[in-house]
Amino acid sequence: MNLRNKNAVIYGAGGSIGGGVAREFAGRGARVFLTGRHEPALTKLADEVREAGGQADVAVVDALDETAVDDHAAAVVREAGSLDISLNLVTRGDIQGIPLVEMSVEDYVGPITTGITTNFITARAAARHMIKQGSGAILALDSGSAQGSPMMGATGSIDAALDTFIRNLAVEIGPHGVRALGIWVAGVPETFTPEKLAAVNEQLAGPEQLENVLNALTEARMTKRSPRLAEVAATLAFLASDDAMGITGTFVNATSMFPS
C-alpha cells in the first residue's frame, strides 16, 4: 500500500482530516500538494510533513475558483510530472439541528452549492490531466447520509449529490484508466471541538455538549467505537494506492454505521 512516486493534491488540507491524510500520504511516499485558503495552517502542516521526512508543497487556492484550481493543477503537472491523486476535503458549511421547515433558504442551499461546486471543479481539473496520462484516482468524502438524515439540514442532500456525481464520473473516466471513488466518514472524534460543533449548531457549544455528541456517536456505531483519524487516513491511502485498482464508482463505509 505504498504511494511512492505519486503526486497528491489535497484540497482543504488545513483541517484536522486534511492534516491526518497529508501525513499518511507523505509517510507512504507521496509528494503532497496542500491547498486551502489559510496559508498559516498549510505552512505549519507542510513543515511537520517535511520534518518527518516527507515532501510537501503549499498553495493558497480557493476551490470555488475554477481558474485558480485549473492553474494549480497544471502547475503541479509541470513541476512534478503528473497528478496522481486528487482529494477534496473542503468544508461545506453544513448547518444542523434545525428542522427543515424552520431553515432559511440560504442555510439549506448554501452547503449544497458549495459542496457540489468544489467537488466538480477539483475533480474536473484532475480528471483532465489524469485522462491524458492514463491513470489516477479522484477521491471524495461525505457522511453517507443520503438515505435519510433528519435534523441534519442539507447534509443528506449534498451527500446524495456527491455520491451520484462520483458514480457518474467513474463511468465516464474509467475507460481512460482513471478511478473516481470516495469514503463515508461521520464523526471522527479527534476532529471535534466545541467551537466546530457550535459552527454547525450553536446549541452544541461547550465541553459537556461535546462529550454528549461523542457518546451518542459511539453508541450509534455497530462496533460501539468511533473510527480514529489514523484509520480514516489509512483507508484513504489504500483507496488512492494501486492496491485498490479494482475499486471505483463507489464509496467505502468507514463510519461503522449503517448508511442512513
C-alpha atoms as a PDB file:
ATOM      1  CA  MET A   1       0.000   0.000   0.000  1.00  0.00           C
ATOM      2  CA  ASN A   2       2.766   2.430  -0.864  1.00  0.00           C
ATOM      3  CA  LEU A   3       2.298   5.750  -2.631  1.00  0.00           C
ATOM      4  CA  ARG A   4       5.851   6.196  -3.861  1.00  0.00           C
ATOM      5  CA  ASN A   5       6.168   8.413  -6.938  1.00  0.00           C
ATOM      6  CA  LYS A   6       2.556   9.593  -6.511  1.00  0.00           C
ATOM      7  CA  ASN A   7       1.695  13.275  -6.523  1.00  0.00           C
ATOM      8  CA  ALA A   8      -1.358  14.028  -4.392  1.00  0.00           C
ATOM      9  CA  VAL A   9      -3.323  17.270  -4.300  1.00  0.00           C
ATOM     10  CA  ILE A  10      -5.379  17.737  -1.131  1.00  0.00           C
ATOM     11  CA  TYR A  11      -7.992  20.486  -1.233  1.00  0.00           C
ATOM     12  CA  GLY A  12      -8.990  21.825   2.160  1.00  0.00           C
ATOM     13  CA  ALA A  13      -5.807  20.390   3.669  1.00  0.00           C
ATOM     14  CA  GLY A  14      -5.702  22.805   6.591  1.00  0.00           C
ATOM     15  CA  GLY A  15      -8.352  20.969   8.614  1.00  0.00           C
ATOM     16  CA  SER A  16      -7.954  18.074  11.018  1.00  0.00           C
ATOM     17  CA  ILE A  17      -8.727  15.346   8.487  1.00  0.00           C
ATOM     18  CA  GLY A  18      -6.522  17.045   5.906  1.00  0.00           C
ATOM     19  CA  GLY A  19      -3.618  17.025   8.324  1.00  0.00           C
ATOM     20  CA  GLY A  20      -4.024  13.371   9.146  1.00  0.00           C
ATOM     21  CA  VAL A  21      -4.330  12.360   5.498  1.00  0.00           C
ATOM     22  CA  ALA A  22      -1.392  14.516   4.400  1.00  0.00           C
ATOM     23  CA  ARG A  23       0.873  12.902   6.981  1.00  0.00           C
ATOM     24  CA  GLU A  24      -0.335   9.416   5.990  1.00  0.00           C
ATOM     25  CA  PHE A  25       0.106  10.007   2.268  1.00  0.00           C
ATOM     26  CA  ALA A  26       3.554  11.539   2.724  1.00  0.00           C
ATOM     27  CA  GLY A  27       4.578   8.772   5.105  1.00  0.00           C
ATOM     28  CA  ARG A  28       3.773   6.271   2.370  1.00  0.00           C
ATOM     29  CA  GLY A  29       5.939   8.106  -0.144  1.00  0.00           C
ATOM     30  CA  ALA A  30       3.609  10.562  -1.887  1.00  0.00           C
ATOM     31  CA  ARG A  31       4.512  14.163  -2.558  1.00  0.00           C
ATOM     32  CA  VAL A  32       1.599  16.131  -1.130  1.00  0.00           C
ATOM     33  CA  PHE A  33       0.398  19.420  -2.553  1.00  0.00           C
ATOM     34  CA  LEU A  34      -1.535  21.133   0.225  1.00  0.00           C
ATOM     35  CA  THR A  35      -4.128  23.693  -0.780  1.00  0.00           C
ATOM     36  CA  GLY A  36      -6.633  25.824   1.058  1.00  0.00           C
ATOM     37  CA  ARG A  37      -7.464  29.430   1.817  1.00  0.00           C
ATOM     38  CA  HIS A  38      -5.478  29.840   5.047  1.00  0.00           C
ATOM     39  CA  GLU A  39      -1.745  29.771   4.401  1.00  0.00           C
ATOM     40  CA  PRO A  40      -0.520  29.626   8.048  1.00  0.00           C
ATOM     41  CA  ALA A  41      -2.287  26.316   8.688  1.00  0.00           C
ATOM     42  CA  LEU A  42      -0.998  24.874   5.417  1.00  0.00           C
ATOM     43  CA  THR A  43       2.566  26.019   6.079  1.00  0.00           C
ATOM     44  CA  LYS A  44       2.526  24.545   9.584  1.00  0.00           C
ATOM     45  CA  LEU A  45       1.343  21.212   8.224  1.00  0.00           C
ATOM     46  CA  ALA A  46       3.914  21.244   5.414  1.00  0.00           C
ATOM     47  CA  ASP A  47       6.694  21.879   7.947  1.00  0.00           C
ATOM     48  CA  GLU A  48       5.510  18.902  10.012  1.00  0.00           C
ATOM     49  CA  VAL A  49       5.449  16.674   6.934  1.00  0.00           C
ATOM     50  CA  ARG A  50       8.965  17.723   5.942  1.00  0.00           C
ATOM     51  CA  GLU A  51      10.293  17.265   9.480  1.00  0.00           C
ATOM     52  CA  ALA A  52       9.033  13.681   9.293  1.00  0.00           C
ATOM     53  CA  GLY A  53      10.950  13.156   6.054  1.00  0.00           C
ATOM     54  CA  GLY A  54       8.116  13.744   3.584  1.00  0.00           C
ATOM     55  CA  GLN A  55       7.652  16.074   0.638  1.00  0.00           C
ATOM     56  CA  ALA A  56       5.081  18.849   0.847  1.00  0.00           C
ATOM     57  CA  ASP A  57       4.206  21.945  -1.159  1.00  0.00           C
ATOM     58  CA  VAL A  58       1.780  24.713  -0.234  1.00  0.00           C
ATOM     59  CA  ALA A  59      -0.518  26.868  -2.358  1.00  0.00           C
ATOM     60  CA  VAL A  60      -3.383  29.155  -1.411  1.00  0.00           C
ATOM     61  CA  VAL A  61      -6.219  28.011  -3.691  1.00  0.00           C
ATOM     62  CA  ASP A  62      -9.920  28.782  -3.404  1.00  0.00           C
ATOM     63  CA  ALA A  63     -11.661  25.590  -4.554  1.00  0.00           C
ATOM     64  CA  LEU A  64     -14.658  27.652  -5.681  1.00  0.00           C
ATOM     65  CA  ASP A  65     -12.437  29.475  -8.199  1.00  0.00           C
ATOM     66  CA  GLU A  66     -12.240  27.229 -11.239  1.00  0.00           C
ATOM     67  CA  THR A  67      -9.435  29.247 -12.854  1.00  0.00           C
ATOM     68  CA  ALA A  68      -7.322  29.039  -9.711  1.00  0.00           C
ATOM     69  CA  VAL A  69      -7.923  25.288  -9.407  1.00  0.00           C
ATOM     70  CA  ASP A  70      -7.159  24.649 -13.082  1.00  0.00           C
ATOM     71  CA  ASP A  71      -3.990  26.752 -12.926  1.00  0.00           C
ATOM     72  CA  HIS A  72      -2.765  24.979  -9.800  1.00  0.00           C
ATOM     73  CA  ALA A  73      -3.402  21.509 -11.256  1.00  0.00           C
ATOM     74  CA  ALA A  74      -1.472  22.469 -14.372  1.00  0.00           C
ATOM     75  CA  ALA A  75       1.377  23.796 -12.232  1.00  0.00           C
ATOM     76  CA  VAL A  76       1.551  20.510 -10.305  1.00  0.00           C
ATOM     77  CA  VAL A  77       1.846  18.547 -13.539  1.00  0.00           C
ATOM     78  CA  ARG A  78       4.513  20.895 -14.906  1.00  0.00           C
ATOM     79  CA  GLU A  79       6.601  20.705 -11.742  1.00  0.00           C
ATOM     80  CA  ALA A  80       6.074  17.124 -10.612  1.00  0.00           C
ATOM     81  CA  GLY A  81       5.321  15.429 -13.919  1.00  0.00           C
ATOM     82  CA  SER A  82       1.910  14.021 -13.035  1.00  0.00           C
ATOM     83  CA  LEU A  83      -1.192  14.456 -10.914  1.00  0.00           C
ATOM     84  CA  ASP A  84      -1.989  11.043  -9.474  1.00  0.00           C
ATOM     85  CA  ILE A  85      -4.350  11.651  -6.556  1.00  0.00           C
ATOM     86  CA  SER A  86      -6.939  14.363  -6.005  1.00  0.00           C
ATOM     87  CA  LEU A  87      -8.767  14.537  -2.672  1.00  0.00           C
ATOM     88  CA  ASN A  88     -11.429  17.122  -1.812  1.00  0.00           C
ATOM     89  CA  LEU A  89     -11.857  17.871   1.900  1.00  0.00           C
ATOM     90  CA  VAL A  90     -13.227  21.390   1.507  1.00  0.00           C
ATOM     91  CA  THR A  91     -15.639  22.403   4.265  1.00  0.00           C
ATOM     92  CA  ARG A  92     -19.211  22.830   3.026  1.00  0.00           C
ATOM     93  CA  GLY A  93     -20.635  24.869   5.884  1.00  0.00           C
ATOM     94  CA  ASP A  94     -23.404  22.451   6.886  1.00  0.00           C
ATOM     95  CA  ILE A  95     -25.986  23.766   9.377  1.00  0.00           C
ATOM     96  CA  GLN A  96     -27.625  21.080  11.510  1.00  0.00           C
ATOM     97  CA  GLY A  97     -30.043  20.711  14.398  1.00  0.00           C
ATOM     98  CA  ILE A  98     -32.772  22.871  12.841  1.00  0.00           C
ATOM     99  CA  PRO A  99     -35.978  21.372  11.387  1.00  0.00           C
ATOM    100  CA  LEU A 100     -36.168  21.776   7.635  1.00  0.00           C
ATOM    101  CA  VAL A 101     -39.427  23.731   7.911  1.00  0.00           C
ATOM    102  CA  GLU A 102     -37.616  26.300  10.052  1.00  0.00           C
ATOM    103  CA  MET A 103     -34.445  26.613   7.971  1.00  0.00           C
ATOM    104  CA  SER A 104     -33.687  29.558   5.751  1.00  0.00           C
ATOM    105  CA  VAL A 105     -33.146  29.018   2.059  1.00  0.00           C
ATOM    106  CA  GLU A 106     -29.555  30.209   2.427  1.00  0.00           C
ATOM    107  CA  ASP A 107     -28.735  27.750   5.225  1.00  0.00           C
ATOM    108  CA  TYR A 108     -30.158  24.856   3.222  1.00  0.00           C
ATOM    109  CA  VAL A 109     -28.924  25.681  -0.265  1.00  0.00           C
ATOM    110  CA  GLY A 110     -25.523  27.108   0.693  1.00  0.00           C
ATOM    111  CA  PRO A 111     -23.818  23.832   1.703  1.00  0.00           C
ATOM    112  CA  ILE A 112     -25.239  22.034  -1.339  1.00  0.00           C
ATOM    113  CA  THR A 113     -23.918  24.690  -3.688  1.00  0.00           C
ATOM    114  CA  THR A 114     -20.504  24.842  -2.028  1.00  0.00           C
ATOM    115  CA  GLY A 115     -20.089  21.089  -1.740  1.00  0.00           C
ATOM    116  CA  ILE A 116     -21.004  20.057  -5.258  1.00  0.00           C
ATOM    117  CA  THR A 117     -19.273  23.075  -6.834  1.00  0.00           C
ATOM    118  CA  THR A 118     -15.897  22.495  -5.204  1.00  0.00           C
ATOM    119  CA  ASN A 119     -16.021  18.774  -5.876  1.00  0.00           C
ATOM    120  CA  PHE A 120     -16.965  19.317  -9.507  1.00  0.00           C
ATOM    121  CA  ILE A 121     -14.260  21.931 -10.095  1.00  0.00           C
ATOM    122  CA  THR A 122     -11.456  19.966  -8.407  1.00  0.00           C
ATOM    123  CA  ALA A 123     -12.446  16.605  -9.898  1.00  0.00           C
ATOM    124  CA  ARG A 124     -12.744  18.073 -13.383  1.00  0.00           C
ATOM    125  CA  ALA A 125      -9.326  19.708 -13.149  1.00  0.00           C
ATOM    126  CA  ALA A 126      -7.707  16.454 -12.015  1.00  0.00           C
ATOM    127  CA  ALA A 127      -9.564  14.272 -14.498  1.00  0.00           C
ATOM    128  CA  ARG A 128      -8.405  16.310 -17.473  1.00  0.00           C
ATOM    129  CA  HIS A 129      -4.764  15.609 -16.588  1.00  0.00           C
ATOM    130  CA  MET A 130      -5.331  12.020 -15.446  1.00  0.00           C
ATOM    131  CA  ILE A 131      -7.079  11.109 -18.697  1.00  0.00           C
ATOM    132  CA  LYS A 132      -4.047  12.293 -20.628  1.00  0.00           C
ATOM    133  CA  GLN A 133      -1.653  10.240 -18.503  1.00  0.00           C
ATOM    134  CA  GLY A 134      -3.974   7.208 -18.396  1.00  0.00           C
ATOM    135  CA  SER A 135      -4.079   6.829 -14.632  1.00  0.00           C
ATOM    136  CA  GLY A 136      -5.140   8.491 -11.400  1.00  0.00           C
ATOM    137  CA  ALA A 137      -7.600   8.436  -8.506  1.00  0.00           C
ATOM    138  CA  ILE A 138     -10.132  11.133  -7.636  1.00  0.00           C
ATOM    139  CA  LEU A 139     -11.337  10.857  -4.036  1.00  0.00           C
ATOM    140  CA  ALA A 140     -14.319  12.441  -2.309  1.00  0.00           C
ATOM    141  CA  LEU A 141     -15.602  12.381   1.267  1.00  0.00           C
ATOM    142  CA  ASP A 142     -19.052  12.677   2.782  1.00  0.00           C
ATOM    143  CA  SER A 143     -21.000  11.272   5.729  1.00  0.00           C
ATOM    144  CA  GLY A 144     -23.079   8.652   3.919  1.00  0.00           C
ATOM    145  CA  SER A 145     -26.305  10.368   4.936  1.00  0.00           C
ATOM    146  CA  ALA A 146     -28.060  10.290   1.575  1.00  0.00           C
ATOM    147  CA  GLN A 147     -30.894   7.918   2.512  1.00  0.00           C
ATOM    148  CA  GLY A 148     -32.409   9.917   5.357  1.00  0.00           C
ATOM    149  CA  SER A 149     -30.809  12.232   7.899  1.00  0.00           C
ATOM    150  CA  PRO A 150     -33.367  14.133   9.984  1.00  0.00           C
ATOM    151  CA  MET A 151     -32.300  17.349  11.713  1.00  0.00           C
ATOM    152  CA  MET A 152     -29.115  17.471   9.618  1.00  0.00           C
ATOM    153  CA  GLY A 153     -30.176  20.241   7.270  1.00  0.00           C
ATOM    154  CA  ALA A 154     -28.724  19.887   3.788  1.00  0.00           C
ATOM    155  CA  THR A 155     -26.196  17.207   4.754  1.00  0.00           C
ATOM    156  CA  GLY A 156     -28.211  14.336   3.281  1.00  0.00           C
ATOM    157  CA  SER A 157     -28.934  16.234   0.088  1.00  0.00           C
ATOM    158  CA  ILE A 158     -25.331  17.173  -0.648  1.00  0.00           C
ATOM    159  CA  ASP A 159     -24.159  13.667   0.267  1.00  0.00           C
ATOM    160  CA  ALA A 160     -26.650  12.252  -2.247  1.00  0.00           C
ATOM    161  CA  ALA A 161     -25.498  14.672  -4.937  1.00  0.00           C
ATOM    162  CA  LEU A 162     -21.844  13.857  -4.304  1.00  0.00           C
ATOM    163  CA  ASP A 163     -22.442  10.099  -4.258  1.00  0.00           C
ATOM    164  CA  THR A 164     -24.178  10.341  -7.631  1.00  0.00           C
ATOM    165  CA  PHE A 165     -21.563  12.656  -9.131  1.00  0.00           C
ATOM    166  CA  ILE A 166     -18.729  10.276  -8.218  1.00  0.00           C
ATOM    167  CA  ARG A 167     -20.539   7.263  -9.677  1.00  0.00           C
ATOM    168  CA  ASN A 168     -21.282   9.051 -12.949  1.00  0.00           C
ATOM    169  CA  LEU A 169     -17.754  10.448 -13.184  1.00  0.00           C
ATOM    170  CA  ALA A 170     -16.304   6.967 -12.626  1.00  0.00           C
ATOM    171  CA  VAL A 171     -18.267   5.580 -15.565  1.00  0.00           C
ATOM    172  CA  GLU A 172     -17.047   8.332 -17.890  1.00  0.00           C
ATOM    173  CA  ILE A 173     -13.356   8.320 -16.962  1.00  0.00           C
ATOM    174  CA  GLY A 174     -12.943   4.613 -16.233  1.00  0.00           C
ATOM    175  CA  PRO A 175     -12.116   3.671 -19.838  1.00  0.00           C
ATOM    176  CA  HIS A 176      -9.156   6.061 -19.617  1.00  0.00           C
ATOM    177  CA  GLY A 177      -7.659   4.248 -16.633  1.00  0.00           C
ATOM    178  CA  VAL A 178      -8.852   6.805 -14.073  1.00  0.00           C
ATOM    179  CA  ARG A 179     -10.813   5.951 -10.942  1.00  0.00           C
ATOM    180  CA  ALA A 180     -13.377   8.061  -9.029  1.00  0.00           C
ATOM    181  CA  LEU A 181     -14.438   6.890  -5.590  1.00  0.00           C
ATOM    182  CA  GLY A 182     -14.997   8.078  -2.070  1.00  0.00           C
ATOM    183  CA  ILE A 183     -15.249   7.365   1.621  1.00  0.00           C
ATOM    184  CA  TRP A 184     -18.106   7.832   4.061  1.00  0.00           C
ATOM    185  CA  VAL A 185     -16.853   9.369   7.305  1.00  0.00           C
ATOM    186  CA  ALA A 186     -19.121  10.500  10.132  1.00  0.00           C
ATOM    187  CA  GLY A 187     -17.846  11.986  13.357  1.00  0.00           C
ATOM    188  CA  VAL A 188     -14.105  11.457  13.769  1.00  0.00           C
ATOM    189  CA  PRO A 189     -13.522  12.230  17.475  1.00  0.00           C
ATOM    190  CA  GLU A 190     -10.108  13.895  17.049  1.00  0.00           C
ATOM    191  CA  THR A 191     -11.611  16.463  14.695  1.00  0.00           C
ATOM    192  CA  PHE A 192     -14.300  17.664  17.119  1.00  0.00           C
ATOM    193  CA  THR A 193     -14.027  20.763  19.280  1.00  0.00           C
ATOM    194  CA  PRO A 194     -16.753  22.799  20.988  1.00  0.00           C
ATOM    195  CA  GLU A 195     -16.064  25.598  18.524  1.00  0.00           C
ATOM    196  CA  LYS A 196     -16.509  23.357  15.486  1.00  0.00           C
ATOM    197  CA  LEU A 197     -19.723  21.911  16.856  1.00  0.00           C
ATOM    198  CA  ALA A 198     -21.060  25.393  17.571  1.00  0.00           C
ATOM    199  CA  ALA A 199     -20.442  26.351  13.932  1.00  0.00           C
ATOM    200  CA  VAL A 200     -22.796  23.527  12.889  1.00  0.00           C
ATOM    201  CA  ASN A 201     -25.311  24.028  15.710  1.00  0.00           C
ATOM    202  CA  GLU A 202     -24.832  26.807  18.253  1.00  0.00           C
ATOM    203  CA  GLN A 203     -26.717  24.793  20.863  1.00  0.00           C
ATOM    204  CA  LEU A 204     -23.826  22.312  20.950  1.00  0.00           C
ATOM    205  CA  ALA A 205     -21.251  24.792  22.268  1.00  0.00           C
ATOM    206  CA  GLY A 206     -19.405  23.687  25.390  1.00  0.00           C
ATOM    207  CA  PRO A 207     -17.412  20.709  26.724  1.00  0.00           C
ATOM    208  CA  GLU A 208     -20.464  18.897  28.115  1.00  0.00           C
ATOM    209  CA  GLN A 209     -22.275  19.051  24.785  1.00  0.00           C
ATOM    210  CA  LEU A 210     -19.138  17.789  23.030  1.00  0.00           C
ATOM    211  CA  GLU A 211     -18.986  14.800  25.356  1.00  0.00           C
ATOM    212  CA  ASN A 212     -22.660  14.069  24.752  1.00  0.00           C
ATOM    213  CA  VAL A 213     -22.164  14.141  20.980  1.00  0.00           C
ATOM    214  CA  LEU A 214     -19.160  11.820  21.147  1.00  0.00           C
ATOM    215  CA  ASN A 215     -21.025   9.379  23.386  1.00  0.00           C
ATOM    216  CA  ALA A 216     -24.035   9.411  21.065  1.00  0.00           C
ATOM    217  CA  LEU A 217     -21.828   8.695  18.067  1.00  0.00           C
ATOM    218  CA  THR A 218     -20.141   5.805  19.858  1.00  0.00           C
ATOM    219  CA  GLU A 219     -23.499   4.298  20.757  1.00  0.00           C
ATOM    220  CA  ALA A 220     -24.691   4.627  17.136  1.00  0.00           C
ATOM    221  CA  ARG A 221     -21.763   2.585  15.782  1.00  0.00           C
ATOM    222  CA  MET A 222     -22.188  -1.112  15.087  1.00  0.00           C
ATOM    223  CA  THR A 223     -18.791  -1.630  16.744  1.00  0.00           C
ATOM    224  CA  LYS A 224     -19.576   0.699  19.663  1.00  0.00           C
ATOM    225  CA  ARG A 225     -16.380   2.593  18.950  1.00  0.00           C
ATOM    226  CA  SER A 226     -15.679   5.531  16.688  1.00  0.00           C
ATOM    227  CA  PRO A 227     -13.144   5.165  13.867  1.00  0.00           C
ATOM    228  CA  ARG A 228      -9.994   7.136  14.602  1.00  0.00           C
ATOM    229  CA  LEU A 229      -8.374   9.692  12.342  1.00  0.00           C
ATOM    230  CA  ALA A 230      -5.416   7.387  11.664  1.00  0.00           C
ATOM    231  CA  GLU A 231      -7.818   4.663  10.481  1.00  0.00           C
ATOM    232  CA  VAL A 232      -9.634   7.053   8.155  1.00  0.00           C
ATOM    233  CA  ALA A 233      -6.330   8.301   6.734  1.00  0.00           C
ATOM    234  CA  ALA A 234      -5.070   4.756   6.206  1.00  0.00           C
ATOM    235  CA  THR A 235      -8.277   3.819   4.390  1.00  0.00           C
ATOM    236  CA  LEU A 236      -7.892   6.802   2.059  1.00  0.00           C
ATOM    237  CA  ALA A 237      -4.264   5.852   1.432  1.00  0.00           C
ATOM    238  CA  PHE A 238      -5.371   2.346   0.440  1.00  0.00           C
ATOM    239  CA  LEU A 239      -8.063   3.691  -1.890  1.00  0.00           C
ATOM    240  CA  ALA A 240      -5.516   6.005  -3.519  1.00  0.00           C
ATOM    241  CA  SER A 241      -2.968   3.233  -3.974  1.00  0.00           C
ATOM    242  CA  ASP A 242      -2.517   0.770  -6.796  1.00  0.00           C
ATOM    243  CA  ASP A 243      -3.647  -1.964  -4.393  1.00  0.00           C
ATOM    244  CA  ALA A 244      -7.183  -0.613  -4.851  1.00  0.00           C
ATOM    245  CA  MET A 245      -7.104  -0.536  -8.653  1.00  0.00           C
ATOM    246  CA  GLY A 246     -10.265  -2.653  -8.793  1.00  0.00           C
ATOM    247  CA  ILE A 247     -12.312  -0.192  -6.737  1.00  0.00           C
ATOM    248  CA  THR A 248     -14.104   2.696  -8.434  1.00  0.00           C
ATOM    249  CA  GLY A 249     -17.548   4.240  -8.716  1.00  0.00           C
ATOM    250  CA  THR A 250     -18.411   3.594  -5.072  1.00  0.00           C
ATOM    251  CA  PHE A 251     -17.964   4.829  -1.507  1.00  0.00           C
ATOM    252  CA  VAL A 252     -16.301   2.828   1.258  1.00  0.00           C
ATOM    253  CA  ASN A 253     -18.236   2.945   4.543  1.00  0.00           C
ATOM    254  CA  ALA A 254     -15.758   3.993   7.233  1.00  0.00           C
ATOM    255  CA  THR A 255     -18.425   5.152   9.681  1.00  0.00           C
ATOM    256  CA  SER A 256     -19.081   1.822  11.476  1.00  0.00           C
ATOM    257  CA  MET A 257     -22.758   2.715  10.935  1.00  0.00           C
ATOM    258  CA  PHE A 258     -25.441   1.508   8.589  1.00  0.00           C
ATOM    259  CA  PRO A 259     -25.760   4.153   5.832  1.00  0.00           C
ATOM    260  CA  SER A 260     -28.689   6.352   6.785  1.00  0.00           C
END
